[in-house]
Each structure stands twice: as C-alpha cells, then as structure tokens.
Protein backbone atom coordinates (compact mmCIF):
# COMPACT_ATOMS: atom_id res chain seq x y z
CA MET A 1 33.82 -21.34 22.30
CA ASN A 2 30.78 -19.57 23.11
CA LEU A 3 32.44 -16.15 22.83
CA GLU A 4 33.86 -17.41 19.45
CA VAL A 5 30.39 -18.09 18.07
CA ALA A 6 28.87 -15.14 19.46
CA SER A 7 31.58 -13.00 17.62
CA VAL A 8 30.88 -14.83 14.30
CA ILE A 9 27.25 -14.21 14.63
CA LYS A 10 27.78 -10.48 15.14
CA GLU A 11 30.15 -10.28 12.26
CA PHE A 12 27.65 -11.90 9.84
CA THR A 13 25.19 -9.11 10.63
CA GLU A 14 27.69 -6.45 9.32
CA PRO A 15 27.64 -5.55 5.46
CA ILE A 16 29.92 -7.76 3.51
CA ALA A 17 31.62 -7.04 -0.07
CA GLU A 18 29.75 -8.79 -2.76
CA ASP A 19 32.53 -9.14 -4.97
CA GLU A 20 34.23 -12.62 -4.56
CA GLU A 21 37.52 -11.64 -6.10
CA ILE A 22 37.90 -8.91 -3.55
CA TYR A 23 37.36 -10.86 -0.39
CA SER A 24 39.41 -13.78 -1.78
CA GLU A 25 42.54 -11.40 -1.67
CA GLY A 26 41.94 -10.63 1.97
CA LYS A 27 40.48 -6.96 1.59
CA SER A 28 37.31 -7.81 3.16
CA ASN A 29 36.26 -9.28 6.45
CA ALA A 30 34.72 -12.21 4.65
CA HIS A 31 37.70 -14.42 4.41
CA ASP A 32 38.32 -14.01 8.19
CA GLN A 33 34.92 -15.05 8.98
CA VAL A 34 35.38 -18.17 7.28
CA LYS A 35 38.51 -18.79 9.11
CA VAL A 36 36.73 -18.26 12.39
CA ALA A 37 33.86 -20.64 11.31
CA GLN A 38 36.17 -23.51 10.45
CA PRO A 39 37.28 -24.47 14.04
CA VAL A 40 33.61 -24.21 14.96
CA ASN A 41 32.71 -27.08 12.73
CA ARG A 42 35.10 -29.44 14.68
CA HIS A 43 33.23 -28.92 17.89
CA PRO A 44 29.65 -29.89 18.80
CA VAL A 45 28.50 -26.45 18.79
CA LEU A 46 25.62 -24.84 16.65
CA LEU A 47 26.49 -22.08 14.55
CA VAL A 48 23.77 -19.67 13.86
CA ALA A 49 23.73 -16.35 11.72
CA ALA A 50 21.16 -13.87 11.00
CA ALA A 51 20.81 -11.58 7.84
CA ASP A 52 18.17 -9.43 6.40
CA SER A 53 18.67 -11.06 2.92
CA PRO A 54 20.91 -14.18 1.97
CA GLU A 55 21.18 -12.57 -1.50
CA GLY A 56 23.64 -9.99 -0.21
CA LEU A 57 26.06 -12.98 1.36
CA PRO A 58 29.20 -13.88 -0.55
CA PRO A 59 29.09 -17.49 -1.81
CA THR A 60 31.91 -18.57 0.54
CA ILE A 61 30.07 -17.39 3.70
CA ARG A 62 26.80 -18.88 2.53
CA ARG A 63 28.39 -22.25 2.04
CA CYS A 64 29.16 -22.45 5.67
CA PHE A 65 25.64 -23.14 6.53
CA SER A 66 23.84 -26.26 5.49
CA HIS A 67 20.34 -24.82 6.36
CA GLU A 68 18.59 -21.69 5.64
CA ILE A 69 15.29 -20.80 7.52
CA SER A 70 13.24 -17.98 6.20
CA MET A 71 11.55 -16.02 9.06
CA ASP A 72 8.29 -14.97 7.28
CA PRO A 73 6.01 -12.20 8.89
CA LEU A 74 3.24 -13.53 11.38
CA ASN A 75 0.17 -14.86 9.53
CA GLU A 76 -3.35 -14.12 10.73
CA GLU A 77 -3.54 -16.86 13.35
CA GLN A 78 -0.05 -16.23 14.94
CA ARG A 79 -1.15 -12.33 15.14
CA LYS A 80 -4.40 -13.30 16.72
CA GLU A 81 -2.59 -15.69 19.36
CA MET A 82 0.07 -12.88 20.02
CA LEU A 83 -2.45 -10.07 20.46
CA THR A 84 -4.79 -12.16 22.74
CA GLN A 85 -1.75 -12.97 25.07
CA SER A 86 -0.71 -9.51 25.27
CA LEU A 87 -3.90 -7.81 25.71
CA GLN A 88 -4.97 -10.07 28.34
CA HIS A 89 -2.50 -8.25 30.63
CA VAL A 90 -4.27 -5.06 30.08
CA SER A 91 -7.98 -6.34 29.84
CA GLU A 92 -8.76 -4.59 33.09
CA LEU A 93 -7.93 -1.29 31.35
CA LEU A 94 -10.42 -1.94 28.60
CA PRO A 95 -13.68 -2.80 30.56
CA ASN A 96 -16.09 -1.56 27.91
CA ILE A 97 -14.53 -3.51 25.17
CA SER A 98 -14.91 -7.11 24.11
CA LEU A 99 -11.34 -8.36 24.09
CA GLU A 100 -12.37 -10.88 21.26
CA ASP A 101 -13.89 -8.20 18.98
CA LEU A 102 -10.89 -5.97 19.50
CA VAL A 103 -8.37 -8.59 18.77
CA LYS A 104 -10.45 -9.29 15.58
CA ASP A 105 -10.26 -5.86 14.43
CA LEU A 106 -6.57 -5.32 15.21
CA VAL A 107 -5.68 -8.76 13.30
CA GLY A 108 -7.38 -7.45 10.23
CA GLN A 109 -5.37 -4.37 10.15
CA THR A 110 -1.92 -5.50 11.17
CA SER A 111 -1.02 -7.54 8.17
CA GLY A 112 2.77 -7.43 7.53
CA PHE A 113 3.43 -6.76 11.29
CA MET A 114 6.37 -8.44 12.93
CA PRO A 115 6.59 -9.56 16.55
CA ARG A 116 8.10 -6.30 17.62
CA ASP A 117 5.67 -4.06 15.86
CA LEU A 118 2.82 -5.97 17.94
CA ARG A 119 4.88 -5.39 21.24
CA ALA A 120 5.02 -1.81 20.26
CA LEU A 121 1.48 -1.34 19.55
CA VAL A 122 0.48 -3.01 23.16
CA ALA A 123 3.25 -0.56 24.71
CA ASP A 124 1.76 2.21 22.98
CA VAL A 125 -1.68 1.53 24.30
CA GLY A 126 -0.29 1.79 27.54
CA ALA A 127 1.50 5.01 26.91
CA ASN A 128 -1.84 6.47 25.77
CA LEU A 129 -3.22 5.80 29.38
CA VAL A 130 -0.07 7.44 30.84
CA HIS A 131 -0.57 10.36 28.57
CA SER A 132 -4.18 10.76 29.34
CA HIS A 133 -3.93 10.57 33.11
CA GLY A 134 -0.68 11.38 34.08
CA SER A 135 2.30 9.08 34.94
CA GLN A 136 1.54 9.50 38.86
CA ASP A 137 -1.49 7.12 38.83
CA VAL A 138 -0.24 4.76 36.09
CA LYS A 139 3.02 2.87 35.79
CA VAL A 140 3.92 1.05 32.77
CA VAL A 141 6.50 -1.62 33.06
CA HIS A 142 8.55 -2.18 29.86
CA GLY A 143 10.83 -4.84 31.30
CA ASP A 144 9.75 -7.46 28.87
CA LEU A 145 9.13 -5.42 25.85
CA LYS A 146 12.66 -5.55 24.76
CA GLU A 147 13.71 -7.28 21.53
CA GLY A 148 13.31 -11.11 21.56
CA SER A 149 10.63 -11.19 24.32
CA HIS A 150 7.02 -12.24 23.51
CA GLU A 151 5.42 -11.20 26.62
CA SER A 152 4.19 -7.78 27.88
CA LYS A 153 3.95 -7.02 31.43
CA PRO A 154 0.69 -5.81 32.89
CA ILE A 155 0.15 -2.19 33.28
CA GLU A 156 0.08 -1.44 36.98
CA ASN A 157 -2.33 0.87 38.81
CA ASP A 158 -0.82 2.33 41.79
CA GLY A 159 -4.37 3.75 43.03
CA SER A 160 -7.39 2.09 44.23
CA HIS A 161 -9.69 0.26 42.21
CA ASP A 162 -12.20 3.24 42.48
CA SER A 163 -9.77 5.50 40.65
CA ALA A 164 -8.64 2.77 38.16
CA LYS A 165 -8.31 4.32 34.56
CA SER A 166 -9.58 2.88 31.62
CA LEU A 167 -9.10 3.00 27.72
CA SER A 168 -11.68 3.29 24.94
CA LYS A 169 -11.49 1.62 21.59
CA GLU A 170 -10.64 4.77 19.95
CA ASP A 171 -7.53 5.20 21.97
CA VAL A 172 -6.46 1.58 20.83
CA MET A 173 -7.18 2.67 17.36
CA LYS A 174 -5.06 5.71 17.75
CA SER A 175 -2.23 3.60 18.89
CA LEU A 176 -2.61 1.42 15.73
CA GLU A 177 -2.60 4.48 13.40
CA ARG A 178 0.62 5.60 14.96
CA SER A 179 2.31 2.22 14.60
CA LYS A 180 1.19 2.11 10.96
CA LYS A 181 2.83 5.45 10.41
CA ARG A 182 6.13 4.38 11.97
CA ASN A 183 6.18 1.23 9.81
CA ALA A 184 5.28 3.35 6.79
CA THR A 185 8.36 5.52 7.17
CA ALA A 186 10.44 2.80 5.86
CA LEU A 187 11.21 2.96 2.01
CA GLY A 188 8.76 0.90 0.10
CA THR A 189 6.71 -0.51 3.04
CA PRO A 190 3.07 -1.25 1.69
CA LYS A 191 0.37 0.79 3.27
CA VAL A 192 -3.32 1.13 3.15
CA PRO A 193 -4.18 4.61 1.44
CA ASN A 194 -6.84 6.79 2.63
CA VAL A 195 -9.26 6.67 -0.42
CA LYS A 196 -12.82 5.60 -0.10
CA TRP A 197 -15.47 4.77 -2.73
CA GLU A 198 -16.97 8.26 -1.93
CA ASP A 199 -13.81 9.81 -3.38
CA VAL A 200 -14.52 7.96 -6.70
CA GLY A 201 -17.38 9.56 -8.58
CA GLY A 202 -19.38 7.35 -10.75
CA LEU A 203 -17.78 4.28 -12.39
CA GLU A 204 -20.20 1.74 -10.61
CA ASP A 205 -19.86 -0.99 -13.33
CA VAL A 206 -16.08 -0.97 -12.86
CA LYS A 207 -16.36 -1.04 -9.00
CA LYS A 208 -18.56 -3.95 -9.16
CA SER A 209 -16.31 -5.80 -11.28
CA ILE A 210 -13.26 -5.07 -9.03
CA LEU A 211 -15.19 -6.24 -5.90
CA ASP A 212 -16.16 -9.37 -7.74
CA THR A 213 -12.41 -10.14 -8.47
CA VAL A 214 -10.92 -8.90 -5.24
CA GLN A 215 -13.47 -8.89 -2.30
CA LEU A 216 -15.01 -12.24 -2.81
CA PRO A 217 -12.03 -14.21 -2.51
CA LEU A 218 -11.31 -12.44 0.74
CA LEU A 219 -14.78 -12.75 2.18
CA HIS A 220 -15.35 -16.50 1.30
CA LYS A 221 -11.92 -18.14 1.51
CA ASP A 222 -13.63 -21.59 2.03
CA LEU A 223 -15.12 -21.51 -1.35
CA PHE A 224 -11.98 -20.17 -3.17
CA SER A 225 -9.67 -23.00 -1.48
CA SER A 226 -10.97 -26.07 -3.48
CA GLY A 227 -8.03 -25.68 -5.83
CA LEU A 228 -9.83 -23.42 -8.27
CA ARG A 229 -7.38 -21.08 -10.00
CA LYS A 230 -7.87 -17.75 -8.65
CA ARG A 231 -8.27 -14.49 -10.74
CA SER A 232 -5.93 -12.15 -9.07
CA GLY A 233 -4.98 -9.76 -11.89
CA VAL A 234 -7.07 -6.68 -13.13
CA LEU A 235 -5.84 -4.18 -15.64
CA PHE A 236 -7.28 -0.68 -16.02
CA TYR A 237 -6.96 0.86 -19.26
CA GLY A 238 -8.18 3.98 -20.94
CA PRO A 239 -7.40 7.95 -21.57
CA PRO A 240 -5.28 9.61 -19.01
CA GLY A 241 -6.98 11.33 -16.14
CA THR A 242 -10.05 9.04 -15.79
CA GLY A 243 -9.31 7.86 -12.27
CA LYS A 244 -7.48 4.63 -12.73
CA THR A 245 -4.90 5.16 -9.97
CA LEU A 246 -7.75 6.43 -7.71
CA LEU A 247 -9.78 3.33 -8.25
CA ALA A 248 -6.96 0.99 -7.21
CA LYS A 249 -6.28 2.86 -3.92
CA ALA A 250 -10.11 2.90 -3.24
CA VAL A 251 -10.04 -0.85 -3.80
CA ALA A 252 -7.07 -1.31 -1.17
CA THR A 253 -8.83 0.89 1.42
CA GLU A 254 -12.27 -0.61 1.09
CA CYS A 255 -11.07 -4.09 1.18
CA SER A 256 -8.58 -3.36 4.08
CA LEU A 257 -5.69 -4.19 1.87
CA ASN A 258 -2.08 -3.07 1.92
CA PHE A 259 -1.10 -1.15 -1.04
CA LEU A 260 2.30 -1.24 -2.88
CA SER A 261 2.47 1.13 -5.79
CA VAL A 262 5.27 0.49 -8.52
CA LYS A 263 6.38 2.52 -11.54
CA GLY A 264 8.62 1.43 -14.21
CA PRO A 265 11.58 3.75 -13.61
CA GLU A 266 11.78 2.56 -9.90
CA LEU A 267 12.47 -1.04 -11.13
CA ILE A 268 14.89 -0.52 -13.98
CA ASN A 269 18.57 -0.69 -13.23
CA MET A 270 21.57 -0.33 -15.53
CA TYR A 271 23.44 -3.36 -14.14
CA ILE A 272 22.76 -6.83 -15.22
CA GLY A 273 20.32 -8.77 -13.14
CA GLU A 274 19.44 -5.91 -10.79
CA SER A 275 16.07 -5.10 -12.64
CA GLU A 276 14.93 -8.85 -12.25
CA LYS A 277 16.11 -8.70 -8.58
CA ASN A 278 14.03 -5.55 -8.16
CA VAL A 279 10.83 -7.24 -9.50
CA ARG A 280 11.38 -10.25 -7.24
CA ASP A 281 11.80 -7.99 -4.25
CA ILE A 282 8.63 -6.15 -4.94
CA PHE A 283 6.66 -9.37 -4.90
CA GLN A 284 8.52 -10.73 -1.85
CA LYS A 285 7.80 -7.54 -0.05
CA ALA A 286 3.96 -7.91 -1.09
CA ARG A 287 3.84 -11.45 0.36
CA SER A 288 5.28 -10.34 3.50
CA ALA A 289 2.35 -7.83 3.89
CA ARG A 290 -0.45 -10.07 2.86
CA PRO A 291 -3.36 -9.39 2.10
CA CYS A 292 -1.70 -6.90 -0.33
CA VAL A 293 -2.32 -5.12 -3.53
CA ILE A 294 0.53 -4.38 -5.91
CA PHE A 295 -0.41 -1.59 -8.39
CA PHE A 296 1.71 -1.35 -11.56
CA ASP A 297 1.32 2.26 -12.86
CA GLU A 298 2.03 2.81 -16.53
CA LEU A 299 2.32 -1.06 -17.33
CA ASP A 300 2.98 -0.39 -21.07
CA SER A 301 6.42 1.15 -20.07
CA LEU A 302 7.36 -1.56 -17.56
CA ALA A 303 6.31 -4.58 -19.58
CA PRO A 304 6.45 -3.81 -23.34
CA ALA A 305 6.13 -6.66 -25.87
CA ARG A 306 9.13 -8.78 -26.04
CA GLY A 307 11.52 -8.35 -29.08
CA ALA A 308 10.15 -4.85 -29.90
CA SER A 309 12.01 -2.83 -27.07
CA GLY A 310 15.20 -2.33 -29.23
CA ASP A 311 17.38 -2.49 -26.02
CA SER A 312 20.82 -4.11 -26.80
CA GLY A 313 20.91 -5.85 -23.57
CA GLY A 314 17.52 -7.14 -23.67
CA VAL A 315 16.78 -5.68 -19.96
CA MET A 316 13.14 -5.17 -20.61
CA ASP A 317 12.52 -8.73 -21.97
CA ARG A 318 14.12 -10.20 -18.99
CA VAL A 319 12.02 -7.88 -16.63
CA VAL A 320 9.02 -9.26 -18.51
CA SER A 321 9.89 -12.81 -18.13
CA GLN A 322 10.64 -12.29 -14.36
CA MET A 323 7.34 -10.82 -13.99
CA LEU A 324 5.38 -13.61 -15.66
CA ALA A 325 7.40 -16.14 -13.47
CA GLU A 326 6.19 -13.98 -10.26
CA ILE A 327 2.61 -13.65 -11.13
CA ASP A 328 2.23 -17.17 -12.01
CA GLY A 329 3.26 -17.98 -8.54
CA LEU A 330 0.08 -15.91 -7.08
CA ASN A 331 -2.29 -18.52 -8.49
CA ASP A 332 -2.16 -20.29 -5.25
CA SER A 333 -5.59 -19.59 -3.81
CA THR A 334 -4.12 -19.29 -0.37
CA GLN A 335 -2.27 -16.14 -1.19
CA ASP A 336 -4.15 -13.13 -0.39
CA LEU A 337 -2.29 -11.09 -2.97
CA PHE A 338 -3.79 -9.06 -6.03
CA ILE A 339 -1.99 -7.42 -8.98
CA ILE A 340 -3.66 -4.16 -10.61
CA GLY A 341 -2.08 -2.57 -13.51
CA ALA A 342 -2.98 0.71 -15.23
CA SER A 343 -2.15 1.74 -18.74
CA ASN A 344 -3.05 4.09 -21.37
CA ARG A 345 -2.00 1.64 -24.24
CA PRO A 346 -2.65 -1.72 -23.54
CA ASP A 347 -1.89 -2.76 -27.20
CA LEU A 348 1.99 -2.15 -26.17
CA ILE A 349 1.80 -4.59 -23.37
CA ASP A 350 3.40 -8.16 -23.89
CA PRO A 351 0.63 -10.32 -24.81
CA ALA A 352 1.61 -12.97 -22.44
CA LEU A 353 0.90 -10.70 -19.46
CA LEU A 354 -2.77 -10.52 -20.76
CA ARG A 355 -3.50 -14.16 -20.89
CA PRO A 356 -5.83 -15.96 -18.24
CA GLY A 357 -4.27 -16.45 -14.88
CA ARG A 358 -2.46 -12.88 -15.06
CA PHE A 359 -4.01 -9.71 -15.98
CA ASP A 360 -6.91 -11.42 -17.48
CA LYS A 361 -9.74 -8.97 -16.16
CA LEU A 362 -9.41 -5.99 -18.40
CA LEU A 363 -11.67 -3.09 -17.32
CA TYR A 364 -12.13 0.21 -19.54
CA VAL A 365 -12.09 3.43 -17.43
CA GLY A 366 -13.21 5.90 -20.07
CA VAL A 367 -14.94 9.33 -20.33
CA ASN A 368 -18.68 9.49 -19.72
CA SER A 369 -20.67 12.45 -21.07
CA GLU A 370 -23.87 11.69 -19.28
CA ALA A 371 -24.89 14.63 -17.17
CA SER A 372 -26.13 12.41 -14.37
CA TYR A 373 -22.81 10.61 -14.22
CA ARG A 374 -20.70 13.85 -14.09
CA GLU A 375 -23.08 15.15 -11.37
CA ARG A 376 -21.93 12.33 -9.20
CA VAL A 377 -18.47 13.12 -9.89
CA LEU A 378 -18.88 16.80 -9.11
CA LYS A 379 -20.59 15.69 -5.68
CA ALA A 380 -17.54 13.50 -4.94
CA LEU A 381 -15.00 16.46 -5.71
CA THR A 382 -16.86 19.08 -3.90
CA ARG A 383 -18.20 16.95 -0.85
CA LYS A 384 -15.78 19.04 1.33
CA PHE A 385 -16.53 22.27 -0.33
CA LYS A 386 -18.99 24.67 1.13
CA LEU A 387 -21.40 25.48 -1.76
CA LYS A 388 -23.98 28.22 -2.00
CA GLU A 389 -27.45 26.75 -1.42
CA ASP A 390 -28.81 27.62 -4.79
CA ILE A 391 -26.15 26.06 -6.75
CA SER A 392 -27.04 23.20 -9.23
CA LEU A 393 -24.17 20.64 -9.99
CA LEU A 394 -26.38 19.06 -12.53
CA SER A 395 -26.50 22.23 -14.63
CA ILE A 396 -22.76 22.72 -14.28
CA ALA A 397 -22.39 19.02 -15.38
CA LYS A 398 -24.52 19.93 -18.56
CA ARG A 399 -22.15 22.77 -19.53
CA CYS A 400 -19.01 20.55 -19.50
CA PRO A 401 -17.65 19.71 -22.88
CA PRO A 402 -18.28 15.97 -23.70
CA ASN A 403 -14.43 15.15 -23.86
CA PHE A 404 -13.97 16.38 -19.96
CA THR A 405 -12.02 13.67 -18.00
CA GLY A 406 -12.05 13.19 -14.41
CA ALA A 407 -8.75 15.00 -14.03
CA ASP A 408 -10.43 18.04 -15.89
CA MET A 409 -13.28 18.09 -13.55
CA TYR A 410 -10.99 18.17 -10.61
CA ALA A 411 -9.34 21.05 -12.23
CA LEU A 412 -12.71 22.79 -12.72
CA CYS A 413 -13.46 22.33 -9.11
CA ALA A 414 -10.05 23.34 -7.63
CA ASP A 415 -10.09 26.67 -9.83
CA ALA A 416 -13.67 27.33 -8.74
CA TRP A 417 -12.52 27.15 -5.11
CA PHE A 418 -9.51 29.23 -6.00
CA HIS A 419 -11.79 32.06 -7.52
CA ALA A 420 -14.11 31.99 -4.29
CA ALA A 421 -10.91 32.28 -2.30
CA LYS A 422 -9.59 35.15 -3.98
CA ARG A 423 -12.99 36.91 -3.89
CA LYS A 424 -13.10 36.19 -0.14
CA ALA A 425 -9.51 37.79 0.32
CA LEU A 426 -10.40 40.88 -1.77
CA ALA A 427 -13.62 41.28 0.34
CA SER A 428 -11.33 41.04 3.56
CA ASP A 429 -8.78 43.46 2.52
CA SER A 430 -11.56 45.99 1.46
CA ASP A 431 -13.35 45.69 4.75
CA SER A 432 -12.88 48.85 6.62
CA THR A 433 -14.24 47.70 10.10
CA GLY A 434 -11.08 45.51 10.79
CA SER A 435 -13.22 43.18 12.85
CA ASP A 436 -11.18 40.00 13.95
CA GLU A 437 -14.55 38.01 14.06
CA MET A 438 -15.17 37.99 10.27
CA ASP A 439 -16.38 34.69 8.93
CA VAL A 440 -13.37 33.04 7.14
CA SER A 441 -15.40 30.32 5.46
CA ILE A 442 -15.18 30.28 1.80
CA ILE A 443 -18.42 29.80 -0.26
CA VAL A 444 -18.20 28.54 -3.84
CA GLU A 445 -20.88 30.02 -5.91
CA TYR A 446 -22.35 28.95 -9.54
CA GLU A 447 -20.69 32.05 -11.19
CA ASP A 448 -17.18 30.61 -9.98
CA PHE A 449 -17.72 27.54 -12.08
CA LEU A 450 -18.98 29.30 -15.05
CA LYS A 451 -16.00 31.67 -14.95
CA VAL A 452 -13.56 28.54 -14.78
CA LEU A 453 -15.48 26.96 -17.65
CA GLY A 454 -14.77 29.74 -19.83
CA GLU A 455 -11.16 29.63 -19.22
CA ILE A 456 -10.35 25.81 -19.00
CA SER A 457 -9.77 23.49 -21.93
CA PRO A 458 -10.03 19.80 -22.14
CA SER A 459 -7.00 17.83 -21.78
CA LEU A 460 -8.26 15.14 -24.35
CA SER A 461 -9.24 16.03 -27.89
CA MET A 462 -12.18 14.46 -29.61
CA ALA A 463 -9.83 12.84 -31.95
CA GLU A 464 -7.76 11.11 -29.23
CA LEU A 465 -10.93 10.13 -27.33
CA LYS A 466 -12.09 8.44 -30.53
CA LYS A 467 -8.66 6.39 -30.77
CA TYR A 468 -9.20 5.09 -27.27
CA GLU A 469 -12.87 4.16 -28.03
CA LEU A 470 -11.50 2.03 -30.91
CA LEU A 471 -8.89 0.56 -28.65
CA ARG A 472 -11.78 -0.47 -26.38
CA GLU A 473 -13.56 -2.12 -29.25
CA GLN A 474 -10.36 -4.00 -30.11
CA PHE A 475 -9.93 -5.50 -26.68
CA GLU A 476 -13.52 -6.02 -25.76
CA GLY A 477 -14.02 -7.70 -28.99
CA SER A 478 -11.03 -10.02 -28.50
CA SER A 479 -12.09 -11.07 -24.88
CA ARG A 480 -15.50 -12.14 -26.01
C-alpha cells in the first residue's frame, strides 16, 4: 500500500489535461489516477499530493482530496529563525560580524525566499570560503542541504585554529546577490531594481509624498496596525518622458521592496477567463514576495472605463472588475503590498479605480522649466560622466527649451557624450605616435552640449503640454 500511495503522489505532480471531456474518455492519465486513489480510501492510509497550483488540476482529481493546504513563502519571523539556526553552524567563520545584525540584514533582503533558497544561500556562503582559500583547507559538508532538510551542516576546518579562515560581511552579501539573481531568472519573479534617488533628478515634492505613503507604514507597523485603512495605491500621471517609471523603481530600491512590473498586453488573453486569471496570478505572486510593489505601466490601456471599450466579449470590463476585487483585498494593514500606476491619460481610467482605498493618491509628474530644477536633473544624468572642469550645467539648463522633458534631457546628455566619444576616436586615429598608453577617458565639453541643443527637438509640443496642464487642474481640483 505504501508503494501504491507513493506512485499516486508522483503521478499528481505531472501535467494533467484540463479538458474534463478528454480524461473522462480515458485519453489522459487522470482517470487512471482516480481509480488508483479509490482503493486507498478503503484503507487507513493518508493520501497526500503536491501541486504547484490547484487551478491546473481537473475537478475529478481535486475532489479526491477533502483538505487543501496552501504552502505560503516564509514570513519575516520564519526567515529569521531559519537563518539564525543555519548561520550558527558557521558562526566561527564570521568572527568579526554580529550574527544578530547579519540575520537582521538578511531577513530584510530575502522576502519571497523559500526554505530551499535560504539553504542555498548558506551553502553559497561556505562555497565562498572554499573559493577564496582553496578546497584543501576547508571542507564543506552538503549532506543535509538536500531538498526537504531544514538543517545545514557545519563547515569544517581541517587545519589548526591558528589557520582558521574567516568570512567578511561583504562575502555574505555577494552570496545574497548571487541568490537573488538565481531567483530572478524565473519568469515574472519580483526583484528589487537598482535605481537610487540620486538617479532621479528633481521631483522632491513627489518623492516626499511617495515616502509618506509607502515608507511610513513599513517603518511604523505598530501605528498602522490599529485597523486604520492603509493607503496603498499611488498613481503617477503626466506627459510621457517625465520619469514616472524611474520613480516607481526608485521607491522599490530605497524602501527595499520587491518590484513587479506589469504592462497591459502581458495580462490580456484571447481565451475567456484567462485575463482575469492572469490578474489574480500577478497579485498572488506579489503576496508571495512581500514586501512588494506592483507597478502597472500604462494603466489607462489596462483598466479603461467600463462600458466604453467596445469589445464584444467584455474582456476589459472583467479585467477591471478583477483588479478592483484584488486591490480591495490589499486594505489589510498587515500586508506590506503597494500598487503604483503610471498613465499619460488618467481621464481614460475607470473612475472606480481612482476612489479612496485604491489609486487614491494622484501625483502629477510634469515638466519643470526652472533652471535650478533642470540643473539637478543634468547632475543626476551626468554623475558618471567625466566633464570638463569649466563646464556649467546651470548654463546648459538655461539654454534648454521650456518644454524639454526628462527623456529629452537624457537624450541631450547621451548625444553629448557620443559627440565627445567621436571626437576622441578621431583624435586617436590621427595620432601618429602610435602610443599604447594613450588616455582613453572621454571628457565631455560645453561645446558638445551646445552642438546637441542645436540638433535636438523637444518630444512634447507646447500645445500638448498645455493639454496636460489642463488635465492636472481637472484632477487636482476634483481632489480638493
């Protein structure tokens, strides 16, 4: 009987046809699995099956099980307990690091990790030691790092205590980065983008509003756990090319949140019910990686006003309804999950999404023509450039047209660097000395910016900018 049960468990983990008519005719393995399961029910045997998602199981198979248990990812306390137990075995290799502080740092950066991911992280720390000092001195025992084990064997040192090797915190962080990259290779896996506030020039007022909405509930969970309805939705709106997507990524980075970016075409499916299922899957994936930010780019194309889309099947209306149901489920103050949307046309978005409790925080990200503001943007864009000493970014900012967007200023800096690189290449080609020690650094000069300013045209006309300003007045007036 034990072998029979084991075979059933194995079969349930394999793909099964979703069409009930097909497997009812005996053309799939589902019917055979039910027949195998029936004699099990007549014996005192516990039948256990595992599946990535119960949604893919045919109803006939699913009815064989009276209980379903969802195995959620580890929460913060569970990750802390598991990391503490695992790292205690290698604490002698971390003599200069406080184990408590190290665990605290790792817990904050391993949201969404499964037990096997944490075990792989600890094993990678040991592999760092082997790589750094050679395998002759250090022996890593992997015996209990296999699937299903919750314990890591200590890393043994074959030498004397005087020759004992040690790891630094930087080594542990390198292992963590490698673990994150391995996890991010899976399709749709949330990750923390590498965008800092210093990459976003200006927009100080918008940054402050974002931090009040996102960072405060994370830092003061005790204050926000009193049943108060949490404001978890932010909508960036304004002209294209003003840095809305960049802002969302910077929020995730600075607040140490996982980041899940979603665009409309990725969710829409031609089959009935699949688009709504994709929306549910996105939110479930984000819940598994809490704390997490879901970023909906071009929200107006994903959630247009219901009844106005004109599609015969009403697909978009059902998608909007599903999004409303999922967003309403985020109001639980214990869920560290935030939604950020970006749109050029908020007037096309379904009004129900802009009501309190959903995307209720509307932030206009527009074009600022002040020279001091544009100077900060240029500093952010050129912070990795090698500029000539006498160059004045303020002077360049004053020469930019008033309808220059952030994307236009990025193009200005990129083209100026290209002109400098081209000048350097021509100079090296004409150099007759043939010296191999020629300086290869590219220095961007003031004239490079002036040349590009004479060639580039703003991507946004003054008439279009005026329309966006009127749209801003409409939404800011209605929110007062």
